Amino acid sequence: MYFYQKRLIKTLSEEEFRAGFRKGQLIDIRDQDDFKAGHILGARNIPFAQMKLRGKEVRKDQPVFLYDQMGVRPGQAARILKKQGVNEIYQLKGGFKGWNGKIKKGL
């Protein structure tokens, strides 16, 4: 199973992730409350629990950059997106907890 997930999604360092996500779609898969509390600048929120229903909102012709809180769920989200026709999927190593770049803070 681990090998299968490895082919679905590529894990990027913070530097690689930052360099790439501007050319694609940055998606925060944490729940709405976590997203509102603070997220990477430029991200949009599609919570993992809604991925099957809302996956069609993700463009298939652009790379997708996913992150969650600690880097646990992007592989599962990638499996869902892959079934919906998305081929280029990346995740942030360590998730939001490992991010040191700009964030948009909530209230």
PDB file of N, CA and C in Angstrom:
ATOM      1  N   MET A   1       0.826  -1.198   0.000  1.00  0.00           N
ATOM      2  CA  MET A   1       0.000   0.000   0.000  1.00  0.00           C
ATOM      3  C   MET A   1       0.864   1.253   0.000  1.00  0.00           C
ATOM      4  N   TYR A   2       1.932   1.266   0.771  1.00  0.00           N
ATOM      5  CA  TYR A   2       2.806   2.434   0.836  1.00  0.00           C
ATOM      6  C   TYR A   2       3.381   2.739  -0.543  1.00  0.00           C
ATOM      7  N   PHE A   3       3.828   1.703  -1.246  1.00  0.00           N
ATOM      8  CA  PHE A   3       4.396   1.893  -2.578  1.00  0.00           C
ATOM      9  C   PHE A   3       3.354   2.504  -3.517  1.00  0.00           C
ATOM     10  N   TYR A   4       2.116   2.040  -3.399  1.00  0.00           N
ATOM     11  CA  TYR A   4       1.033   2.552  -4.231  1.00  0.00           C
ATOM     12  C   TYR A   4       0.838   4.051  -3.997  1.00  0.00           C
ATOM     13  N   GLN A   5       0.818   4.454  -2.736  1.00  0.00           N
ATOM     14  CA  GLN A   5       0.656   5.879  -2.433  1.00  0.00           C
ATOM     15  C   GLN A   5       1.848   6.688  -2.934  1.00  0.00           C
ATOM     16  N   LYS A   6       3.017   6.107  -2.908  1.00  0.00           N
ATOM     17  CA  LYS A   6       4.216   6.804  -3.344  1.00  0.00           C
ATOM     18  C   LYS A   6       4.084   7.216  -4.811  1.00  0.00           C
ATOM     19  N   ARG A   7       3.464   6.372  -5.628  1.00  0.00           N
ATOM     20  CA  ARG A   7       3.298   6.690  -7.038  1.00  0.00           C
ATOM     21  C   ARG A   7       2.176   7.690  -7.269  1.00  0.00           C
ATOM     22  N   LEU A   8       1.251   7.786  -6.354  1.00  0.00           N
ATOM     23  CA  LEU A   8       0.127   8.709  -6.506  1.00  0.00           C
ATOM     24  C   LEU A   8       0.521  10.149  -6.224  1.00  0.00           C
ATOM     25  N   ILE A   9       1.437  10.312  -5.304  1.00  0.00           N
ATOM     26  CA  ILE A   9       1.739  11.654  -4.803  1.00  0.00           C
ATOM     27  C   ILE A   9       3.236  11.772  -4.548  1.00  0.00           C
ATOM     28  N   LYS A  10       3.775  12.930  -4.843  1.00  0.00           N
ATOM     29  CA  LYS A  10       5.195  13.170  -4.588  1.00  0.00           C
ATOM     30  C   LYS A  10       5.327  14.130  -3.408  1.00  0.00           C
ATOM     31  N   THR A  11       6.141  13.760  -2.432  1.00  0.00           N
ATOM     32  CA  THR A  11       6.361  14.602  -1.263  1.00  0.00           C
ATOM     33  C   THR A  11       7.478  15.597  -1.567  1.00  0.00           C
ATOM     34  N   LEU A  12       7.202  16.854  -1.275  1.00  0.00           N
ATOM     35  CA  LEU A  12       8.155  17.930  -1.548  1.00  0.00           C
ATOM     36  C   LEU A  12       8.588  18.611  -0.256  1.00  0.00           C
ATOM     37  N   SER A  13       9.838  19.071  -0.235  1.00  0.00           N
ATOM     38  CA  SER A  13      10.314  19.886   0.883  1.00  0.00           C
ATOM     39  C   SER A  13       9.568  21.220   0.826  1.00  0.00           C
ATOM     40  N   GLU A  14       9.685  21.986   1.885  1.00  0.00           N
ATOM     41  CA  GLU A  14       9.013  23.288   1.904  1.00  0.00           C
ATOM     42  C   GLU A  14       9.474  24.160   0.736  1.00  0.00           C
ATOM     43  N   GLU A  15      10.772  24.141   0.437  1.00  0.00           N
ATOM     44  CA  GLU A  15      11.307  24.969  -0.653  1.00  0.00           C
ATOM     45  C   GLU A  15      10.721  24.537  -2.000  1.00  0.00           C
ATOM     46  N   GLU A  16      10.693  23.222  -2.249  1.00  0.00           N
ATOM     47  CA  GLU A  16      10.145  22.709  -3.504  1.00  0.00           C
ATOM     48  C   GLU A  16       8.656  23.018  -3.616  1.00  0.00           C
ATOM     49  N   PHE A  17       7.963  22.852  -2.499  1.00  0.00           N
ATOM     50  CA  PHE A  17       6.519  23.094  -2.461  1.00  0.00           C
ATOM     51  C   PHE A  17       6.229  24.559  -2.760  1.00  0.00           C
ATOM     52  N   ARG A  18       6.973  25.451  -2.110  1.00  0.00           N
ATOM     53  CA  ARG A  18       6.776  26.890  -2.307  1.00  0.00           C
ATOM     54  C   ARG A  18       7.056  27.284  -3.756  1.00  0.00           C
ATOM     55  N   ALA A  19       8.086  26.711  -4.337  1.00  0.00           N
ATOM     56  CA  ALA A  19       8.448  27.032  -5.719  1.00  0.00           C
ATOM     57  C   ALA A  19       7.399  26.532  -6.706  1.00  0.00           C
ATOM     58  N   GLY A  20       6.735  25.426  -6.388  1.00  0.00           N
ATOM     59  CA  GLY A  20       5.806  24.824  -7.327  1.00  0.00           C
ATOM     60  C   GLY A  20       4.364  25.257  -7.235  1.00  0.00           C
ATOM     61  N   PHE A  21       3.872  25.522  -6.018  1.00  0.00           N
ATOM     62  CA  PHE A  21       2.426  25.715  -5.886  1.00  0.00           C
ATOM     63  C   PHE A  21       1.897  26.953  -6.596  1.00  0.00           C
ATOM     64  N   ARG A  22       2.738  27.899  -6.902  1.00  0.00           N
ATOM     65  CA  ARG A  22       2.280  29.082  -7.629  1.00  0.00           C
ATOM     66  C   ARG A  22       1.887  28.728  -9.069  1.00  0.00           C
ATOM     67  N   LYS A  23       2.391  27.588  -9.561  1.00  0.00           N
ATOM     68  CA  LYS A  23       2.085  27.146 -10.925  1.00  0.00           C
ATOM     69  C   LYS A  23       0.935  26.148 -10.946  1.00  0.00           C
ATOM     70  N   GLY A  24       0.308  25.934  -9.805  1.00  0.00           N
ATOM     71  CA  GLY A  24      -0.760  24.939  -9.739  1.00  0.00           C
ATOM     72  C   GLY A  24      -1.871  25.367  -8.799  1.00  0.00           C
ATOM     73  N   GLN A  25      -2.514  24.375  -8.206  1.00  0.00           N
ATOM     74  CA  GLN A  25      -3.627  24.601  -7.292  1.00  0.00           C
ATOM     75  C   GLN A  25      -3.191  24.197  -5.891  1.00  0.00           C
ATOM     76  N   LEU A  26      -3.285  25.117  -4.966  1.00  0.00           N
ATOM     77  CA  LEU A  26      -2.893  24.869  -3.580  1.00  0.00           C
ATOM     78  C   LEU A  26      -4.151  24.582  -2.777  1.00  0.00           C
ATOM     79  N   ILE A  27      -4.229  23.370  -2.229  1.00  0.00           N
ATOM     80  CA  ILE A  27      -5.446  22.951  -1.531  1.00  0.00           C
ATOM     81  C   ILE A  27      -5.127  22.466  -0.124  1.00  0.00           C
ATOM     82  N   ASP A  28      -5.784  23.094   0.833  1.00  0.00           N
ATOM     83  CA  ASP A  28      -5.695  22.733   2.249  1.00  0.00           C
ATOM     84  C   ASP A  28      -6.817  21.730   2.501  1.00  0.00           C
ATOM     85  N   ILE A  29      -6.461  20.510   2.927  1.00  0.00           N
ATOM     86  CA  ILE A  29      -7.486  19.482   3.127  1.00  0.00           C
ATOM     87  C   ILE A  29      -7.878  19.324   4.600  1.00  0.00           C
ATOM     88  N   ARG A  30      -7.454  20.278   5.438  1.00  0.00           N
ATOM     89  CA  ARG A  30      -7.879  20.246   6.844  1.00  0.00           C
ATOM     90  C   ARG A  30      -9.332  20.690   6.945  1.00  0.00           C
ATOM     91  N   ASP A  31      -9.926  20.505   8.118  1.00  0.00           N
ATOM     92  CA  ASP A  31     -11.320  20.923   8.256  1.00  0.00           C
ATOM     93  C   ASP A  31     -11.408  22.450   8.246  1.00  0.00           C
ATOM     94  N   GLN A  32     -12.614  22.928   8.061  1.00  0.00           N
ATOM     95  CA  GLN A  32     -12.853  24.363   7.874  1.00  0.00           C
ATOM     96  C   GLN A  32     -12.372  25.207   9.059  1.00  0.00           C
ATOM     97  N   ASP A  33     -12.537  24.715  10.269  1.00  0.00           N
ATOM     98  CA  ASP A  33     -12.110  25.479  11.444  1.00  0.00           C
ATOM     99  C   ASP A  33     -10.604  25.673  11.467  1.00  0.00           C
ATOM    100  N   ASP A  34      -9.852  24.604  11.152  1.00  0.00           N
ATOM    101  CA  ASP A  34      -8.392  24.718  11.103  1.00  0.00           C
ATOM    102  C   ASP A  34      -7.975  25.691  10.006  1.00  0.00           C
ATOM    103  N   PHE A  35      -8.636  25.603   8.853  1.00  0.00           N
ATOM    104  CA  PHE A  35      -8.335  26.498   7.736  1.00  0.00           C
ATOM    105  C   PHE A  35      -8.567  27.949   8.127  1.00  0.00           C
ATOM    106  N   LYS A  36      -9.696  28.218   8.772  1.00  0.00           N
ATOM    107  CA  LYS A  36     -10.015  29.587   9.180  1.00  0.00           C
ATOM    108  C   LYS A  36      -9.047  30.120  10.225  1.00  0.00           C
ATOM    109  N   ALA A  37      -8.500  29.234  11.052  1.00  0.00           N
ATOM    110  CA  ALA A  37      -7.555  29.659  12.094  1.00  0.00           C
ATOM    111  C   ALA A  37      -6.228  30.108  11.498  1.00  0.00           C
ATOM    112  N   GLY A  38      -5.900  29.613  10.316  1.00  0.00           N
ATOM    113  CA  GLY A  38      -4.666  29.993   9.643  1.00  0.00           C
ATOM    114  C   GLY A  38      -4.321  28.986   8.565  1.00  0.00           C
ATOM    115  N   HIS A  39      -3.884  29.493   7.406  1.00  0.00           N
ATOM    116  CA  HIS A  39      -3.525  28.610   6.295  1.00  0.00           C
ATOM    117  C   HIS A  39      -2.462  29.271   5.424  1.00  0.00           C
ATOM    118  N   ILE A  40      -1.843  28.469   4.563  1.00  0.00           N
ATOM    119  CA  ILE A  40      -0.828  28.989   3.652  1.00  0.00           C
ATOM    120  C   ILE A  40      -1.496  29.996   2.719  1.00  0.00           C
ATOM    121  N   LEU A  41      -0.859  31.133   2.567  1.00  0.00           N
ATOM    122  CA  LEU A  41      -1.370  32.206   1.716  1.00  0.00           C
ATOM    123  C   LEU A  41      -1.622  31.681   0.307  1.00  0.00           C
ATOM    124  N   GLY A  42      -2.823  31.866  -0.184  1.00  0.00           N
ATOM    125  CA  GLY A  42      -3.173  31.431  -1.534  1.00  0.00           C
ATOM    126  C   GLY A  42      -3.884  30.086  -1.589  1.00  0.00           C
ATOM    127  N   ALA A  43      -4.010  29.412  -0.455  1.00  0.00           N
ATOM    128  CA  ALA A  43      -4.662  28.094  -0.441  1.00  0.00           C
ATOM    129  C   ALA A  43      -6.179  28.234  -0.445  1.00  0.00           C
ATOM    130  N   ARG A  44      -6.835  27.226  -0.992  1.00  0.00           N
ATOM    131  CA  ARG A  44      -8.277  27.134  -0.831  1.00  0.00           C
ATOM    132  C   ARG A  44      -8.563  25.860  -0.056  1.00  0.00           C
ATOM    133  N   ASN A  45      -9.700  25.841   0.574  1.00  0.00           N
ATOM    134  CA  ASN A  45     -10.038  24.752   1.484  1.00  0.00           C
ATOM    135  C   ASN A  45     -11.031  23.771   0.856  1.00  0.00           C
ATOM    136  N   ILE A  46     -10.589  22.527   0.731  1.00  0.00           N
ATOM    137  CA  ILE A  46     -11.491  21.420   0.401  1.00  0.00           C
ATOM    138  C   ILE A  46     -11.185  20.357   1.460  1.00  0.00           C
ATOM    139  N   PRO A  47     -11.964  20.336   2.550  1.00  0.00           N
ATOM    140  CA  PRO A  47     -11.685  19.378   3.622  1.00  0.00           C
ATOM    141  C   PRO A  47     -11.673  17.938   3.107  1.00  0.00           C
ATOM    142  N   PHE A  48     -10.782  17.123   3.674  1.00  0.00           N
ATOM    143  CA  PHE A  48     -10.658  15.735   3.252  1.00  0.00           C
ATOM    144  C   PHE A  48     -12.015  15.026   3.259  1.00  0.00           C
ATOM    145  N   ALA A  49     -12.824  15.288   4.279  1.00  0.00           N
ATOM    146  CA  ALA A  49     -14.131  14.634   4.403  1.00  0.00           C
ATOM    147  C   ALA A  49     -15.052  14.959   3.219  1.00  0.00           C
ATOM    148  N   GLN A  50     -14.782  16.057   2.512  1.00  0.00           N
ATOM    149  CA  GLN A  50     -15.615  16.467   1.376  1.00  0.00           C
ATOM    150  C   GLN A  50     -14.958  16.184   0.021  1.00  0.00           C
ATOM    151  N   MET A  51     -13.783  15.564   0.038  1.00  0.00           N
ATOM    152  CA  MET A  51     -12.990  15.398  -1.186  1.00  0.00           C
ATOM    153  C   MET A  51     -13.736  14.621  -2.277  1.00  0.00           C
ATOM    154  N   LYS A  52     -14.439  13.559  -1.917  1.00  0.00           N
ATOM    155  CA  LYS A  52     -15.158  12.790  -2.947  1.00  0.00           C
ATOM    156  C   LYS A  52     -16.216  13.632  -3.628  1.00  0.00           C
ATOM    157  N   LEU A  53     -16.932  14.439  -2.855  1.00  0.00           N
ATOM    158  CA  LEU A  53     -17.993  15.275  -3.415  1.00  0.00           C
ATOM    159  C   LEU A  53     -17.445  16.497  -4.143  1.00  0.00           C
ATOM    160  N   ARG A  54     -16.398  17.100  -3.599  1.00  0.00           N
ATOM    161  CA  ARG A  54     -15.903  18.364  -4.144  1.00  0.00           C
ATOM    162  C   ARG A  54     -14.679  18.219  -5.029  1.00  0.00           C
ATOM    163  N   GLY A  55     -14.217  16.991  -5.230  1.00  0.00           N
ATOM    164  CA  GLY A  55     -13.027  16.762  -6.053  1.00  0.00           C
ATOM    165  C   GLY A  55     -13.165  17.306  -7.463  1.00  0.00           C
ATOM    166  N   LYS A  56     -14.401  17.373  -7.953  1.00  0.00           N
ATOM    167  CA  LYS A  56     -14.623  17.896  -9.314  1.00  0.00           C
ATOM    168  C   LYS A  56     -14.293  19.385  -9.421  1.00  0.00           C
ATOM    169  N   GLU A  57     -14.122  20.064  -8.276  1.00  0.00           N
ATOM    170  CA  GLU A  57     -13.734  21.476  -8.291  1.00  0.00           C
ATOM    171  C   GLU A  57     -12.250  21.648  -8.639  1.00  0.00           C
ATOM    172  N   VAL A  58     -11.514  20.549  -8.575  1.00  0.00           N
ATOM    173  CA  VAL A  58     -10.073  20.581  -8.836  1.00  0.00           C
ATOM    174  C   VAL A  58      -9.834  20.421 -10.334  1.00  0.00           C
ATOM    175  N   ARG A  59      -9.071  21.330 -10.902  1.00  0.00           N
ATOM    176  CA  ARG A  59      -8.761  21.271 -12.337  1.00  0.00           C
ATOM    177  C   ARG A  59      -7.816  20.112 -12.626  1.00  0.00           C
ATOM    178  N   LYS A  60      -8.083  19.392 -13.693  1.00  0.00           N
ATOM    179  CA  LYS A  60      -7.266  18.236 -14.062  1.00  0.00           C
ATOM    180  C   LYS A  60      -6.036  18.637 -14.878  1.00  0.00           C
ATOM    181  N   ASP A  61      -6.052  19.855 -15.425  1.00  0.00           N
ATOM    182  CA  ASP A  61      -4.968  20.290 -16.312  1.00  0.00           C
ATOM    183  C   ASP A  61      -3.864  21.068 -15.596  1.00  0.00           C
ATOM    184  N   GLN A  62      -3.930  21.131 -14.271  1.00  0.00           N
ATOM    185  CA  GLN A  62      -2.900  21.832 -13.501  1.00  0.00           C
ATOM    186  C   GLN A  62      -2.426  20.943 -12.358  1.00  0.00           C
ATOM    187  N   PRO A  63      -1.153  21.075 -11.958  1.00  0.00           N
ATOM    188  CA  PRO A  63      -0.681  20.302 -10.809  1.00  0.00           C
ATOM    189  C   PRO A  63      -1.442  20.695  -9.540  1.00  0.00           C
ATOM    190  N   VAL A  64      -1.584  19.742  -8.632  1.00  0.00           N
ATOM    191  CA  VAL A  64      -2.291  19.956  -7.378  1.00  0.00           C
ATOM    192  C   VAL A  64      -1.296  19.811  -6.230  1.00  0.00           C
ATOM    193  N   PHE A  65      -1.304  20.782  -5.329  1.00  0.00           N
ATOM    194  CA  PHE A  65      -0.427  20.793  -4.162  1.00  0.00           C
ATOM    195  C   PHE A  65      -1.308  20.705  -2.924  1.00  0.00           C
ATOM    196  N   LEU A  66      -1.206  19.587  -2.206  1.00  0.00           N
ATOM    197  CA  LEU A  66      -2.055  19.326  -1.049  1.00  0.00           C
ATOM    198  C   LEU A  66      -1.275  19.453   0.246  1.00  0.00           C
ATOM    199  N   TYR A  67      -1.966  19.852   1.294  1.00  0.00           N
ATOM    200  CA  TYR A  67      -1.385  19.749   2.632  1.00  0.00           C
ATOM    201  C   TYR A  67      -2.500  19.599   3.648  1.00  0.00           C
ATOM    202  N   ASP A  68      -2.140  18.942   4.751  1.00  0.00           N
ATOM    203  CA  ASP A  68      -3.033  18.824   5.894  1.00  0.00           C
ATOM    204  C   ASP A  68      -2.242  19.320   7.098  1.00  0.00           C
ATOM    205  N   GLN A  69      -2.614  18.921   8.285  1.00  0.00           N
ATOM    206  CA  GLN A  69      -1.922  19.432   9.472  1.00  0.00           C
ATOM    207  C   GLN A  69      -0.498  18.888   9.599  1.00  0.00           C
ATOM    208  N   MET A  70      -0.341  17.541   9.414  1.00  0.00           N
ATOM    209  CA  MET A  70       0.972  16.941   9.658  1.00  0.00           C
ATOM    210  C   MET A  70       1.462  16.029   8.538  1.00  0.00           C
ATOM    211  N   GLY A  71       0.802  16.023   7.393  1.00  0.00           N
ATOM    212  CA  GLY A  71       1.260  15.205   6.268  1.00  0.00           C
ATOM    213  C   GLY A  71       0.736  13.782   6.262  1.00  0.00           C
ATOM    214  N   VAL A  72      -0.408  13.549   6.904  1.00  0.00           N
ATOM    215  CA  VAL A  72      -0.963  12.203   7.024  1.00  0.00           C
ATOM    216  C   VAL A  72      -1.975  11.871   5.924  1.00  0.00           C
ATOM    217  N   ARG A  73      -2.862  12.782   5.611  1.00  0.00           N
ATOM    218  CA  ARG A  73      -3.984  12.491   4.721  1.00  0.00           C
ATOM    219  C   ARG A  73      -3.803  12.786   3.228  1.00  0.00           C
ATOM    220  N   PRO A  74      -2.815  13.551   2.804  1.00  0.00           N
ATOM    221  CA  PRO A  74      -2.724  13.840   1.369  1.00  0.00           C
ATOM    222  C   PRO A  74      -2.660  12.602   0.477  1.00  0.00           C
ATOM    223  N   GLY A  75      -2.057  11.526   0.940  1.00  0.00           N
ATOM    224  CA  GLY A  75      -2.009  10.301   0.134  1.00  0.00           C
ATOM    225  C   GLY A  75      -3.392   9.741  -0.131  1.00  0.00           C
ATOM    226  N   GLN A  76      -4.244   9.800   0.887  1.00  0.00           N
ATOM    227  CA  GLN A  76      -5.629   9.325   0.732  1.00  0.00           C
ATOM    228  C   GLN A  76      -6.406  10.261  -0.194  1.00  0.00           C
ATOM    229  N   ALA A  77      -6.188  11.550  -0.048  1.00  0.00           N
ATOM    230  CA  ALA A  77      -6.851  12.522  -0.923  1.00  0.00           C
ATOM    231  C   ALA A  77      -6.382  12.338  -2.365  1.00  0.00           C
ATOM    232  N   ALA A  78      -5.098  12.038  -2.541  1.00  0.00           N
ATOM    233  CA  ALA A  78      -4.547  11.830  -3.885  1.00  0.00           C
ATOM    234  C   ALA A  78      -5.219  10.646  -4.565  1.00  0.00           C
ATOM    235  N   ARG A  79      -5.505   9.601  -3.818  1.00  0.00           N
ATOM    236  CA  ARG A  79      -6.169   8.429  -4.385  1.00  0.00           C
ATOM    237  C   ARG A  79      -7.542   8.833  -4.945  1.00  0.00           C
ATOM    238  N   ILE A  80      -8.266   9.662  -4.211  1.00  0.00           N
ATOM    239  CA  ILE A  80      -9.587  10.127  -4.651  1.00  0.00           C
ATOM    240  C   ILE A  80      -9.453  10.988  -5.914  1.00  0.00           C
ATOM    241  N   LEU A  81      -8.508  11.925  -5.882  1.00  0.00           N
ATOM    242  CA  LEU A  81      -8.320  12.825  -7.028  1.00  0.00           C
ATOM    243  C   LEU A  81      -7.847  12.071  -8.264  1.00  0.00           C
ATOM    244  N   LYS A  82      -6.994  11.074  -8.069  1.00  0.00           N
ATOM    245  CA  LYS A  82      -6.486  10.275  -9.188  1.00  0.00           C
ATOM    246  C   LYS A  82      -7.653   9.580  -9.899  1.00  0.00           C
ATOM    247  N   LYS A  83      -8.586   9.043  -9.116  1.00  0.00           N
ATOM    248  CA  LYS A  83      -9.763   8.383  -9.696  1.00  0.00           C
ATOM    249  C   LYS A  83     -10.617   9.371 -10.489  1.00  0.00           C
ATOM    250  N   GLN A  84     -10.512  10.665 -10.150  1.00  0.00           N
ATOM    251  CA  GLN A  84     -11.285  11.695 -10.842  1.00  0.00           C
ATOM    252  C   GLN A  84     -10.503  12.321 -11.996  1.00  0.00           C
ATOM    253  N   GLY A  85      -9.330  11.764 -12.286  1.00  0.00           N
ATOM    254  CA  GLY A  85      -8.582  12.197 -13.459  1.00  0.00           C
ATOM    255  C   GLY A  85      -7.451  13.170 -13.228  1.00  0.00           C
ATOM    256  N   VAL A  86      -7.115  13.484 -11.981  1.00  0.00           N
ATOM    257  CA  VAL A  86      -6.001  14.387 -11.688  1.00  0.00           C
ATOM    258  C   VAL A  86      -4.723  13.544 -11.662  1.00  0.00           C
ATOM    259  N   ASN A  87      -3.695  13.953 -12.391  1.00  0.00           N
ATOM    260  CA  ASN A  87      -2.490  13.132 -12.491  1.00  0.00           C
ATOM    261  C   ASN A  87      -1.267  13.675 -11.771  1.00  0.00           C
ATOM    262  N   GLU A  88      -1.148  14.981 -11.663  1.00  0.00           N
ATOM    263  CA  GLU A  88       0.055  15.568 -11.065  1.00  0.00           C
ATOM    264  C   GLU A  88      -0.283  16.098  -9.671  1.00  0.00           C
ATOM    265  N   ILE A  89       0.126  15.326  -8.632  1.00  0.00           N
ATOM    266  CA  ILE A  89      -0.256  15.650  -7.263  1.00  0.00           C
ATOM    267  C   ILE A  89       0.973  15.639  -6.361  1.00  0.00           C
ATOM    268  N   TYR A  90       1.105  16.683  -5.547  1.00  0.00           N
ATOM    269  CA  TYR A  90       2.235  16.836  -4.636  1.00  0.00           C
ATOM    270  C   TYR A  90       1.718  17.110  -3.228  1.00  0.00           C
ATOM    271  N   GLN A  91       2.544  16.790  -2.239  1.00  0.00           N
ATOM    272  CA  GLN A  91       2.187  17.116  -0.857  1.00  0.00           C
ATOM    273  C   GLN A  91       3.364  17.776  -0.160  1.00  0.00           C
ATOM    274  N   LEU A  92       3.041  18.577   0.836  1.00  0.00           N
ATOM    275  CA  LEU A  92       4.039  19.268   1.644  1.00  0.00           C
ATOM    276  C   LEU A  92       4.543  18.335   2.735  1.00  0.00           C
ATOM    277  N   LYS A  93       5.846  18.093   2.737  1.00  0.00           N
ATOM    278  CA  LYS A  93       6.436  17.240   3.769  1.00  0.00           C
ATOM    279  C   LYS A  93       6.185  17.855   5.147  1.00  0.00           C
ATOM    280  N   GLY A  94       5.612  17.080   6.053  1.00  0.00           N
ATOM    281  CA  GLY A  94       5.349  17.560   7.405  1.00  0.00           C
ATOM    282  C   GLY A  94       4.066  18.363   7.555  1.00  0.00           C
ATOM    283  N   GLY A  95       3.371  18.642   6.442  1.00  0.00           N
ATOM    284  CA  GLY A  95       2.110  19.365   6.498  1.00  0.00           C
ATOM    285  C   GLY A  95       2.255  20.808   6.976  1.00  0.00           C
ATOM    286  N   PHE A  96       1.128  21.387   7.364  1.00  0.00           N
ATOM    287  CA  PHE A  96       1.083  22.786   7.790  1.00  0.00           C
ATOM    288  C   PHE A  96       2.003  23.041   8.985  1.00  0.00           C
ATOM    289  N   LYS A  97       2.144  22.054   9.866  1.00  0.00           N
ATOM    290  CA  LYS A  97       3.018  22.206  11.045  1.00  0.00           C
ATOM    291  C   LYS A  97       4.461  22.465  10.640  1.00  0.00           C
ATOM    292  N   GLY A  98       4.856  21.948   9.461  1.00  0.00           N
ATOM    293  CA  GLY A  98       6.219  22.119   9.006  1.00  0.00           C
ATOM    294  C   GLY A  98       6.441  23.334   8.122  1.00  0.00           C
ATOM    295  N   TRP A  99       5.412  24.125   7.922  1.00  0.00           N
ATOM    296  CA  TRP A  99       5.471  25.284   7.014  1.00  0.00           C
ATOM    297  C   TRP A  99       6.008  26.506   7.761  1.00  0.00           C
ATOM    298  N   ASN A 100       6.995  27.163   7.167  1.00  0.00           N
ATOM    299  CA  ASN A 100       7.557  28.376   7.771  1.00  0.00           C
ATOM    300  C   ASN A 100       7.326  29.612   6.898  1.00  0.00           C
ATOM    301  N   GLY A 101       6.602  29.431   5.790  1.00  0.00           N
ATOM    302  CA  GLY A 101       6.357  30.545   4.876  1.00  0.00           C
ATOM    303  C   GLY A 101       5.181  31.404   5.324  1.00  0.00           C
ATOM    304  N   LYS A 102       4.724  32.240   4.409  1.00  0.00           N
ATOM    305  CA  LYS A 102       3.624  33.161   4.724  1.00  0.00           C
ATOM    306  C   LYS A 102       2.330  32.405   4.941  1.00  0.00           C
ATOM    307  N   ILE A 103       1.590  32.871   5.934  1.00  0.00           N
ATOM    308  CA  ILE A 103       0.279  32.300   6.198  1.00  0.00           C
ATOM    309  C   ILE A 103      -0.735  33.420   6.344  1.00  0.00           C
ATOM    310  N   LYS A 104      -1.973  33.066   6.132  1.00  0.00           N
ATOM    311  CA  LYS A 104      -3.068  34.003   6.378  1.00  0.00           C
ATOM    312  C   LYS A 104      -3.692  33.552   7.691  1.00  0.00           C
ATOM    313  N   LYS A 105      -3.623  34.426   8.676  1.00  0.00           N
ATOM    314  CA  LYS A 105      -4.165  34.085   9.991  1.00  0.00           C
ATOM    315  C   LYS A 105      -5.636  34.424  10.054  1.00  0.00           C
ATOM    316  N   GLY A 106      -6.363  33.572  10.760  1.00  0.00           N
ATOM    317  CA  GLY A 106      -7.792  33.792  10.947  1.00  0.00           C
ATOM    318  C   GLY A 106      -8.050  34.748  12.086  1.00  0.00           C
ATOM    319  N   LEU A 107      -9.284  34.787  12.490  1.00  0.00           N
ATOM    320  CA  LEU A 107      -9.693  35.689  13.572  1.00  0.00           C
ATOM    321  C   LEU A 107      -9.218  35.210  14.921  1.00  0.00           C
TER     322      LEU A 107
END
